[in-house]
């Protein structure tokens, strides 16, 4: 697996020579960002799961900043953010909205967004803004809670899976010697 990942990942020279990455070369070439062990993997999974719920194209940027802060594995964190995609983002955001409603005690039913009207665009725009302002508080609370829960679950699961793998490999080596 490590050899396969090394073939896919860009080399140090490719990063060093990339004009867009040049201002960040010192931070991006830190060895801990590219080393894969159970600690860096678990932290990378947690960062990737947390940042995967960031809206839009900022997920990978957030994950890159997160791994710089905690010195986790950069490629793994970027890969893990891809659990959100056009098929999963709507159900995840709806789940986050429902979690947020429970947390803030909002007992009102879900209000559908106003119907788009090109003829009455200004009225639709005002109604849409009011709808968004009503939904933003439970959505923000739910997203933070869901992202934190997924990150914690991913961290613990990765640590446990890595440990199970190590114990299994150790037992196989021990059995082969006996």
N, C-alpha and C. Protein backbone atom coordinates (compact mmCIF):
# COMPACT_ATOMS: atom_id res chain seq x y z
N UNK A 1 0.83 -1.19 0.00
CA UNK A 1 0.00 0.00 0.00
C UNK A 1 0.87 1.26 0.00
N UNK A 2 1.91 1.27 0.83
CA UNK A 2 2.78 2.44 0.88
C UNK A 2 3.46 2.69 -0.45
N UNK A 3 3.93 1.62 -1.10
CA UNK A 3 4.61 1.77 -2.39
C UNK A 3 3.64 2.32 -3.44
N UNK A 4 2.40 1.86 -3.41
CA UNK A 4 1.40 2.35 -4.35
C UNK A 4 1.12 3.84 -4.13
N UNK A 5 0.98 4.24 -2.86
CA UNK A 5 0.74 5.65 -2.56
C UNK A 5 1.93 6.52 -2.97
N UNK A 6 3.14 6.01 -2.78
CA UNK A 6 4.32 6.79 -3.16
C UNK A 6 4.37 7.02 -4.66
N UNK A 7 3.88 6.06 -5.45
CA UNK A 7 3.84 6.25 -6.90
C UNK A 7 2.84 7.34 -7.29
N UNK A 8 1.73 7.41 -6.57
CA UNK A 8 0.68 8.37 -6.90
C UNK A 8 1.00 9.80 -6.45
N UNK A 9 1.73 9.93 -5.35
CA UNK A 9 1.97 11.24 -4.77
C UNK A 9 3.08 11.98 -5.51
N UNK A 10 2.98 13.31 -5.55
CA UNK A 10 4.05 14.08 -6.18
C UNK A 10 5.32 14.01 -5.34
N UNK A 11 6.46 14.09 -6.00
CA UNK A 11 7.74 14.07 -5.30
C UNK A 11 8.07 15.43 -4.71
N UNK A 12 9.14 15.46 -3.93
CA UNK A 12 9.57 16.70 -3.29
C UNK A 12 9.91 17.77 -4.32
N UNK A 13 10.55 17.35 -5.41
CA UNK A 13 10.95 18.32 -6.44
C UNK A 13 9.72 18.90 -7.15
N UNK A 14 8.71 18.08 -7.38
CA UNK A 14 7.49 18.57 -8.03
C UNK A 14 6.81 19.63 -7.16
N UNK A 15 6.80 19.42 -5.86
CA UNK A 15 6.21 20.41 -4.94
C UNK A 15 7.08 21.65 -4.89
N UNK A 16 8.38 21.46 -4.80
CA UNK A 16 9.31 22.58 -4.72
C UNK A 16 9.26 23.45 -5.98
N UNK A 17 9.04 22.85 -7.14
CA UNK A 17 9.05 23.59 -8.40
C UNK A 17 7.68 24.13 -8.81
N UNK A 18 6.62 23.80 -8.08
CA UNK A 18 5.29 24.28 -8.41
C UNK A 18 5.17 25.75 -8.00
N UNK A 19 4.86 26.60 -8.97
CA UNK A 19 4.83 28.04 -8.68
C UNK A 19 3.71 28.42 -7.71
N UNK A 20 2.61 27.68 -7.68
CA UNK A 20 1.50 27.99 -6.77
C UNK A 20 1.82 27.58 -5.33
N UNK A 21 2.64 26.58 -5.17
CA UNK A 21 2.97 26.08 -3.84
C UNK A 21 4.26 26.68 -3.29
N UNK A 22 4.99 27.42 -4.11
CA UNK A 22 6.28 27.95 -3.70
C UNK A 22 6.24 28.71 -2.37
N UNK A 23 5.24 29.54 -2.09
CA UNK A 23 5.24 30.25 -0.79
C UNK A 23 5.08 29.32 0.42
N UNK A 24 4.57 28.12 0.19
CA UNK A 24 4.29 27.19 1.28
C UNK A 24 5.25 26.00 1.32
N UNK A 25 6.31 26.06 0.54
CA UNK A 25 7.22 24.91 0.40
C UNK A 25 7.79 24.47 1.74
N UNK A 26 8.23 25.41 2.55
CA UNK A 26 8.84 25.02 3.83
C UNK A 26 7.87 24.23 4.70
N UNK A 27 6.63 24.66 4.75
CA UNK A 27 5.64 23.95 5.57
C UNK A 27 5.21 22.64 4.90
N UNK A 28 5.02 22.65 3.58
CA UNK A 28 4.52 21.47 2.89
C UNK A 28 5.54 20.34 2.80
N UNK A 29 6.81 20.65 2.90
CA UNK A 29 7.82 19.60 2.80
C UNK A 29 8.26 19.07 4.16
N UNK A 30 7.56 19.46 5.21
CA UNK A 30 7.89 18.92 6.53
C UNK A 30 7.67 17.41 6.48
N UNK A 31 8.64 16.62 6.96
CA UNK A 31 8.54 15.15 6.84
C UNK A 31 7.31 14.54 7.50
N UNK A 32 6.82 15.12 8.57
CA UNK A 32 5.67 14.52 9.26
C UNK A 32 4.39 14.61 8.44
N UNK A 33 4.33 15.53 7.48
CA UNK A 33 3.13 15.64 6.64
C UNK A 33 3.04 14.50 5.63
N UNK A 34 4.14 13.83 5.39
CA UNK A 34 4.18 12.78 4.38
C UNK A 34 4.42 11.40 4.97
N UNK A 35 4.74 11.32 6.24
CA UNK A 35 5.00 10.05 6.90
C UNK A 35 3.67 9.43 7.33
N UNK A 36 3.54 8.13 7.10
CA UNK A 36 2.30 7.45 7.44
C UNK A 36 2.54 6.48 8.59
N UNK A 37 1.99 6.81 9.74
CA UNK A 37 2.00 5.90 10.89
C UNK A 37 0.63 6.01 11.55
N UNK A 38 0.41 5.25 12.62
CA UNK A 38 -0.95 5.24 13.19
C UNK A 38 -1.36 6.58 13.77
N UNK A 39 -0.41 7.35 14.27
CA UNK A 39 -0.76 8.65 14.84
C UNK A 39 -1.09 9.67 13.74
N UNK A 40 -0.23 9.72 12.72
CA UNK A 40 -0.49 10.68 11.64
C UNK A 40 -1.71 10.28 10.82
N UNK A 41 -1.94 8.98 10.67
CA UNK A 41 -3.11 8.52 9.92
C UNK A 41 -4.40 8.84 10.67
N UNK A 42 -4.43 8.57 11.97
CA UNK A 42 -5.65 8.84 12.74
C UNK A 42 -5.94 10.35 12.77
N UNK A 43 -4.91 11.15 12.93
CA UNK A 43 -5.11 12.60 12.92
C UNK A 43 -5.56 13.08 11.55
N UNK A 44 -5.00 12.51 10.49
CA UNK A 44 -5.39 12.90 9.13
C UNK A 44 -6.84 12.53 8.85
N UNK A 45 -7.26 11.37 9.30
CA UNK A 45 -8.66 10.97 9.10
C UNK A 45 -9.59 11.93 9.85
N UNK A 46 -9.21 12.28 11.08
CA UNK A 46 -10.04 13.21 11.86
C UNK A 46 -10.13 14.58 11.18
N UNK A 47 -8.99 15.10 10.73
CA UNK A 47 -8.98 16.40 10.06
C UNK A 47 -9.80 16.33 8.76
N UNK A 48 -9.62 15.27 7.99
CA UNK A 48 -10.36 15.12 6.74
C UNK A 48 -11.86 15.01 6.94
N UNK A 49 -12.27 14.24 7.94
CA UNK A 49 -13.70 14.12 8.22
C UNK A 49 -14.30 15.44 8.71
N UNK A 50 -13.55 16.15 9.55
CA UNK A 50 -14.04 17.43 10.04
C UNK A 50 -14.16 18.44 8.90
N UNK A 51 -13.12 18.53 8.08
CA UNK A 51 -13.09 19.53 7.01
C UNK A 51 -13.95 19.13 5.81
N UNK A 52 -14.36 17.88 5.73
CA UNK A 52 -15.21 17.45 4.63
C UNK A 52 -16.56 18.13 4.63
N UNK A 53 -17.00 18.64 5.76
CA UNK A 53 -18.29 19.32 5.83
C UNK A 53 -18.19 20.83 5.60
N UNK A 54 -16.98 21.32 5.33
CA UNK A 54 -16.84 22.73 4.98
C UNK A 54 -17.48 22.93 3.61
N UNK A 55 -18.28 23.96 3.44
CA UNK A 55 -18.96 24.15 2.15
C UNK A 55 -18.00 24.45 1.01
N UNK A 56 -18.40 23.97 -0.15
CA UNK A 56 -17.73 24.33 -1.39
C UNK A 56 -16.32 23.80 -1.54
N UNK A 57 -15.53 24.51 -2.31
CA UNK A 57 -14.18 24.03 -2.64
C UNK A 57 -13.16 24.28 -1.53
N UNK A 58 -13.59 24.72 -0.40
CA UNK A 58 -12.66 25.08 0.68
C UNK A 58 -12.32 23.89 1.58
N UNK A 59 -12.88 22.72 1.29
CA UNK A 59 -12.64 21.54 2.11
C UNK A 59 -11.16 21.18 2.14
N UNK A 60 -10.56 21.09 0.98
CA UNK A 60 -9.15 20.68 0.91
C UNK A 60 -8.23 21.76 1.46
N UNK A 61 -8.58 23.00 1.26
CA UNK A 61 -7.79 24.08 1.83
C UNK A 61 -7.85 24.01 3.36
N UNK A 62 -9.03 23.78 3.91
CA UNK A 62 -9.18 23.63 5.36
C UNK A 62 -8.43 22.43 5.88
N UNK A 63 -8.48 21.32 5.13
CA UNK A 63 -7.76 20.11 5.54
C UNK A 63 -6.25 20.35 5.51
N UNK A 64 -5.77 21.06 4.51
CA UNK A 64 -4.33 21.36 4.43
C UNK A 64 -3.91 22.22 5.62
N UNK A 65 -4.71 23.20 5.98
CA UNK A 65 -4.39 24.02 7.15
C UNK A 65 -4.46 23.20 8.43
N UNK A 66 -5.42 22.30 8.50
CA UNK A 66 -5.57 21.45 9.69
C UNK A 66 -4.39 20.51 9.89
N UNK A 67 -3.90 19.91 8.80
CA UNK A 67 -2.77 19.01 8.95
C UNK A 67 -1.48 19.77 9.23
N UNK A 68 -1.39 20.99 8.75
CA UNK A 68 -0.22 21.81 9.09
C UNK A 68 -0.21 22.09 10.58
N UNK A 69 -1.38 22.31 11.15
CA UNK A 69 -1.46 22.62 12.58
C UNK A 69 -1.14 21.41 13.45
N UNK A 70 -1.59 20.22 13.04
CA UNK A 70 -1.38 19.04 13.89
C UNK A 70 -0.37 18.06 13.32
N UNK A 71 0.30 18.41 12.23
CA UNK A 71 1.35 17.59 11.62
C UNK A 71 0.87 16.17 11.31
N UNK A 72 -0.28 16.09 10.66
CA UNK A 72 -0.84 14.81 10.26
C UNK A 72 -0.44 14.53 8.81
N UNK A 73 -0.84 13.39 8.28
CA UNK A 73 -0.52 13.00 6.92
C UNK A 73 -1.39 13.79 5.94
N UNK A 74 -0.75 14.61 5.13
CA UNK A 74 -1.46 15.50 4.21
C UNK A 74 -2.24 14.76 3.12
N UNK A 75 -1.65 13.82 2.39
CA UNK A 75 -2.43 13.16 1.33
C UNK A 75 -3.65 12.42 1.86
N UNK A 76 -3.52 11.77 3.00
CA UNK A 76 -4.65 11.03 3.56
C UNK A 76 -5.77 11.98 3.97
N UNK A 77 -5.44 13.09 4.58
CA UNK A 77 -6.46 14.07 4.98
C UNK A 77 -7.19 14.62 3.76
N UNK A 78 -6.46 14.91 2.70
CA UNK A 78 -7.10 15.42 1.48
C UNK A 78 -8.00 14.36 0.86
N UNK A 79 -7.57 13.13 0.88
CA UNK A 79 -8.37 12.03 0.34
C UNK A 79 -9.65 11.83 1.14
N UNK A 80 -9.56 11.92 2.45
CA UNK A 80 -10.73 11.67 3.31
C UNK A 80 -11.81 12.74 3.13
N UNK A 81 -11.43 13.96 2.76
CA UNK A 81 -12.45 15.00 2.56
C UNK A 81 -13.42 14.65 1.43
N UNK A 82 -13.04 13.70 0.60
CA UNK A 82 -13.88 13.37 -0.56
C UNK A 82 -15.11 12.53 -0.20
N UNK A 83 -15.32 12.27 1.10
CA UNK A 83 -16.55 11.56 1.46
C UNK A 83 -17.78 12.44 1.20
N UNK A 84 -17.57 13.73 1.13
CA UNK A 84 -18.68 14.60 0.72
C UNK A 84 -18.54 14.82 -0.78
N UNK A 85 -19.60 14.58 -1.48
CA UNK A 85 -19.65 14.73 -2.93
C UNK A 85 -21.07 15.11 -3.30
N UNK A 86 -21.37 15.32 -4.55
CA UNK A 86 -22.74 15.72 -4.90
C UNK A 86 -23.84 14.77 -4.45
N UNK A 87 -23.51 13.49 -4.24
CA UNK A 87 -24.53 12.54 -3.79
C UNK A 87 -24.72 12.55 -2.28
N UNK A 88 -23.68 12.88 -1.51
CA UNK A 88 -23.77 12.78 -0.06
C UNK A 88 -23.94 14.12 0.65
N UNK A 89 -23.66 15.22 -0.01
CA UNK A 89 -23.66 16.50 0.69
C UNK A 89 -25.06 16.92 1.15
N UNK A 90 -26.06 16.69 0.34
CA UNK A 90 -27.42 17.09 0.74
C UNK A 90 -27.91 16.29 1.95
N UNK A 91 -27.80 14.94 1.94
CA UNK A 91 -28.22 14.21 3.15
C UNK A 91 -27.42 14.60 4.40
N UNK A 92 -26.12 14.84 4.24
CA UNK A 92 -25.31 15.23 5.39
C UNK A 92 -25.73 16.59 5.94
N UNK A 93 -26.02 17.54 5.04
CA UNK A 93 -26.45 18.86 5.50
C UNK A 93 -27.84 18.81 6.13
N UNK A 94 -28.72 17.96 5.58
CA UNK A 94 -30.05 17.81 6.19
C UNK A 94 -29.93 17.18 7.58
N UNK A 95 -29.04 16.19 7.72
CA UNK A 95 -28.79 15.59 9.02
C UNK A 95 -28.22 16.63 9.99
N UNK A 96 -27.29 17.43 9.52
CA UNK A 96 -26.71 18.49 10.36
C UNK A 96 -27.78 19.50 10.78
N UNK A 97 -28.66 19.83 9.86
CA UNK A 97 -29.74 20.77 10.18
C UNK A 97 -30.65 20.20 11.27
N UNK A 98 -31.00 18.92 11.16
CA UNK A 98 -31.86 18.29 12.16
C UNK A 98 -31.15 18.20 13.51
N UNK A 99 -29.85 17.89 13.50
CA UNK A 99 -29.08 17.86 14.75
C UNK A 99 -29.06 19.24 15.37
N UNK A 100 -28.85 20.26 14.56
CA UNK A 100 -28.84 21.63 15.06
C UNK A 100 -30.18 22.05 15.64
N UNK A 101 -31.26 21.64 14.99
CA UNK A 101 -32.60 21.96 15.53
C UNK A 101 -32.79 21.31 16.89
N UNK A 102 -32.32 20.08 17.05
CA UNK A 102 -32.42 19.41 18.36
C UNK A 102 -31.58 20.13 19.41
N UNK A 103 -30.39 20.56 19.02
CA UNK A 103 -29.48 21.20 19.97
C UNK A 103 -29.99 22.56 20.45
N UNK A 104 -30.55 23.34 19.54
CA UNK A 104 -31.01 24.67 19.95
C UNK A 104 -32.46 24.68 20.40
N UNK A 105 -33.11 23.53 20.33
CA UNK A 105 -34.48 23.43 20.82
C UNK A 105 -35.50 24.02 19.88
N UNK A 106 -35.23 23.98 18.58
CA UNK A 106 -36.15 24.51 17.59
C UNK A 106 -37.20 23.45 17.28
N UNK A 107 -38.41 23.64 17.75
CA UNK A 107 -39.47 22.66 17.56
C UNK A 107 -40.30 22.88 16.31
N UNK A 108 -40.02 23.96 15.57
CA UNK A 108 -40.80 24.25 14.37
C UNK A 108 -40.47 23.24 13.27
N UNK A 109 -41.42 23.00 12.41
CA UNK A 109 -41.21 22.08 11.29
C UNK A 109 -40.30 22.74 10.25
N UNK A 110 -39.71 21.92 9.41
CA UNK A 110 -38.85 22.44 8.35
C UNK A 110 -39.66 23.29 7.40
N UNK A 111 -39.15 24.46 7.11
CA UNK A 111 -39.83 25.37 6.19
C UNK A 111 -39.14 25.27 4.84
N UNK A 112 -39.90 24.95 3.82
CA UNK A 112 -39.34 24.83 2.47
C UNK A 112 -38.92 26.20 1.96
N UNK A 113 -37.88 26.24 1.13
CA UNK A 113 -37.46 27.53 0.57
C UNK A 113 -38.53 28.08 -0.35
N UNK A 114 -38.56 29.40 -0.52
CA UNK A 114 -39.58 29.99 -1.40
C UNK A 114 -39.36 29.59 -2.86
N UNK A 115 -40.47 29.50 -3.59
CA UNK A 115 -40.41 29.15 -5.01
C UNK A 115 -39.75 30.28 -5.79
N UNK A 116 -38.84 29.89 -6.70
CA UNK A 116 -38.15 30.88 -7.51
C UNK A 116 -39.12 31.52 -8.49
N UNK A 117 -39.01 32.85 -8.59
CA UNK A 117 -39.85 33.59 -9.52
C UNK A 117 -39.00 34.66 -10.20
N UNK A 118 -38.85 34.52 -11.51
CA UNK A 118 -38.06 35.49 -12.25
C UNK A 118 -38.82 36.80 -12.41
N UNK A 119 -40.15 36.73 -12.46
CA UNK A 119 -40.95 37.94 -12.63
C UNK A 119 -40.96 38.78 -11.36
N UNK A 120 -40.94 38.13 -10.21
CA UNK A 120 -40.90 38.86 -8.93
C UNK A 120 -39.58 38.54 -8.23
N UNK A 121 -38.48 38.81 -8.93
CA UNK A 121 -37.17 38.41 -8.44
C UNK A 121 -36.81 39.11 -7.13
N UNK A 122 -37.11 40.37 -6.98
CA UNK A 122 -36.73 41.09 -5.75
C UNK A 122 -37.51 40.55 -4.55
N UNK A 123 -38.78 40.24 -4.74
CA UNK A 123 -39.56 39.67 -3.64
C UNK A 123 -39.04 38.28 -3.30
N UNK A 124 -38.72 37.48 -4.33
CA UNK A 124 -38.17 36.16 -4.09
C UNK A 124 -36.83 36.24 -3.37
N UNK A 125 -36.00 37.21 -3.78
CA UNK A 125 -34.69 37.37 -3.16
C UNK A 125 -34.81 37.72 -1.68
N UNK A 126 -35.73 38.59 -1.34
CA UNK A 126 -35.94 38.95 0.06
C UNK A 126 -36.47 37.75 0.86
N UNK A 127 -37.40 37.01 0.27
CA UNK A 127 -37.95 35.84 0.95
C UNK A 127 -36.87 34.76 1.12
N UNK A 128 -36.01 34.59 0.12
CA UNK A 128 -34.95 33.60 0.19
C UNK A 128 -33.93 33.98 1.26
N UNK A 129 -33.60 35.25 1.36
CA UNK A 129 -32.66 35.70 2.40
C UNK A 129 -33.25 35.48 3.79
N UNK A 130 -34.53 35.74 3.97
CA UNK A 130 -35.18 35.50 5.26
C UNK A 130 -35.16 34.01 5.59
N UNK A 131 -35.42 33.17 4.59
CA UNK A 131 -35.38 31.73 4.79
C UNK A 131 -33.98 31.26 5.19
N UNK A 132 -32.96 31.78 4.52
CA UNK A 132 -31.57 31.41 4.83
C UNK A 132 -31.20 31.84 6.25
N UNK A 133 -31.59 33.04 6.65
CA UNK A 133 -31.27 33.52 8.00
C UNK A 133 -31.94 32.67 9.07
N UNK A 134 -33.11 32.15 8.76
CA UNK A 134 -33.82 31.30 9.70
C UNK A 134 -33.14 29.93 9.82
N UNK A 135 -32.53 29.45 8.74
CA UNK A 135 -31.92 28.12 8.73
C UNK A 135 -30.47 28.13 9.17
N UNK A 136 -29.81 29.28 9.19
CA UNK A 136 -28.36 29.30 9.40
C UNK A 136 -27.96 28.90 10.83
N UNK A 137 -28.72 29.28 11.84
CA UNK A 137 -28.34 28.97 13.22
C UNK A 137 -28.37 27.47 13.50
N UNK A 138 -29.48 26.77 13.20
CA UNK A 138 -29.47 25.32 13.44
C UNK A 138 -28.49 24.59 12.53
N UNK A 139 -28.30 25.08 11.30
CA UNK A 139 -27.37 24.43 10.39
C UNK A 139 -25.94 24.56 10.90
N UNK A 140 -25.57 25.74 11.36
CA UNK A 140 -24.20 25.94 11.86
C UNK A 140 -23.94 25.08 13.11
N UNK A 141 -24.88 25.06 14.02
CA UNK A 141 -24.72 24.24 15.22
C UNK A 141 -24.65 22.75 14.87
N UNK A 142 -25.48 22.33 13.94
CA UNK A 142 -25.49 20.93 13.53
C UNK A 142 -24.23 20.54 12.77
N UNK A 143 -23.74 21.42 11.90
CA UNK A 143 -22.52 21.11 11.15
C UNK A 143 -21.32 20.98 12.08
N UNK A 144 -21.22 21.88 13.04
CA UNK A 144 -20.10 21.81 13.98
C UNK A 144 -20.18 20.52 14.82
N UNK A 145 -21.36 20.18 15.26
CA UNK A 145 -21.54 18.96 16.05
C UNK A 145 -21.29 17.70 15.22
N UNK A 146 -21.84 17.66 14.02
CA UNK A 146 -21.66 16.49 13.16
C UNK A 146 -20.19 16.34 12.75
N UNK A 147 -19.54 17.44 12.38
CA UNK A 147 -18.13 17.37 11.98
C UNK A 147 -17.26 16.91 13.14
N UNK A 148 -17.52 17.42 14.34
CA UNK A 148 -16.73 17.01 15.51
C UNK A 148 -16.97 15.54 15.84
N UNK A 149 -18.20 15.10 15.74
CA UNK A 149 -18.53 13.70 16.02
C UNK A 149 -17.88 12.76 15.01
N UNK A 150 -17.96 13.13 13.73
CA UNK A 150 -17.33 12.31 12.69
C UNK A 150 -15.81 12.27 12.88
N UNK A 151 -15.21 13.40 13.23
CA UNK A 151 -13.76 13.45 13.44
C UNK A 151 -13.35 12.56 14.60
N UNK A 152 -14.06 12.64 15.70
CA UNK A 152 -13.74 11.80 16.86
C UNK A 152 -13.93 10.32 16.53
N UNK A 153 -15.02 9.99 15.89
CA UNK A 153 -15.29 8.60 15.51
C UNK A 153 -14.23 8.09 14.53
N UNK A 154 -13.86 8.90 13.56
CA UNK A 154 -12.83 8.51 12.60
C UNK A 154 -11.48 8.33 13.25
N UNK A 155 -11.13 9.21 14.18
CA UNK A 155 -9.86 9.11 14.89
C UNK A 155 -9.79 7.80 15.69
N UNK A 156 -10.83 7.54 16.48
CA UNK A 156 -10.84 6.34 17.30
C UNK A 156 -10.89 5.06 16.46
N UNK A 157 -11.67 5.07 15.39
CA UNK A 157 -11.77 3.91 14.51
C UNK A 157 -10.44 3.63 13.82
N UNK A 158 -9.76 4.66 13.36
CA UNK A 158 -8.46 4.48 12.70
C UNK A 158 -7.43 3.93 13.67
N UNK A 159 -7.40 4.48 14.89
CA UNK A 159 -6.48 3.98 15.91
C UNK A 159 -6.76 2.50 16.20
N UNK A 160 -8.03 2.15 16.36
CA UNK A 160 -8.40 0.77 16.67
C UNK A 160 -8.07 -0.17 15.50
N UNK A 161 -8.39 0.25 14.28
CA UNK A 161 -8.12 -0.60 13.12
C UNK A 161 -6.62 -0.81 12.94
N UNK A 162 -5.85 0.23 13.15
CA UNK A 162 -4.40 0.11 13.01
C UNK A 162 -3.85 -0.85 14.07
N UNK A 163 -4.37 -0.72 15.28
CA UNK A 163 -3.93 -1.60 16.36
C UNK A 163 -4.29 -3.05 16.07
N UNK A 164 -5.50 -3.29 15.59
CA UNK A 164 -5.92 -4.66 15.24
C UNK A 164 -5.01 -5.22 14.14
N UNK A 165 -4.68 -4.39 13.15
CA UNK A 165 -3.79 -4.83 12.09
C UNK A 165 -2.41 -5.19 12.65
N UNK A 166 -1.87 -4.36 13.53
CA UNK A 166 -0.56 -4.62 14.11
C UNK A 166 -0.55 -5.90 14.94
N UNK A 167 -1.58 -6.10 15.74
CA UNK A 167 -1.66 -7.31 16.55
C UNK A 167 -1.76 -8.54 15.66
N UNK A 168 -2.56 -8.45 14.60
CA UNK A 168 -2.70 -9.57 13.66
C UNK A 168 -1.37 -9.88 12.98
N UNK A 169 -0.67 -8.86 12.51
CA UNK A 169 0.63 -9.07 11.86
C UNK A 169 1.65 -9.64 12.84
N UNK A 170 1.63 -9.18 14.06
CA UNK A 170 2.54 -9.69 15.09
C UNK A 170 2.27 -11.16 15.36
N UNK A 171 0.98 -11.52 15.46
CA UNK A 171 0.63 -12.92 15.70
C UNK A 171 1.04 -13.81 14.53
N UNK A 172 0.88 -13.32 13.30
CA UNK A 172 1.28 -14.10 12.14
C UNK A 172 2.79 -14.32 12.13
N UNK A 173 3.56 -13.28 12.45
CA UNK A 173 5.01 -13.42 12.51
C UNK A 173 5.41 -14.40 13.60
N UNK A 174 4.76 -14.30 14.73
CA UNK A 174 5.06 -15.19 15.85
C UNK A 174 4.72 -16.64 15.52
N UNK A 175 3.59 -16.84 14.84
CA UNK A 175 3.19 -18.20 14.44
C UNK A 175 4.12 -18.77 13.39
N UNK A 176 4.63 -17.91 12.51
CA UNK A 176 5.55 -18.37 11.45
C UNK A 176 6.89 -18.80 12.05
N UNK A 177 7.33 -18.16 13.13
CA UNK A 177 8.58 -18.53 13.79
C UNK A 177 8.45 -19.80 14.60
N UNK A 178 7.27 -20.09 15.08
CA UNK A 178 7.06 -21.26 15.95
C UNK A 178 6.95 -22.55 15.21
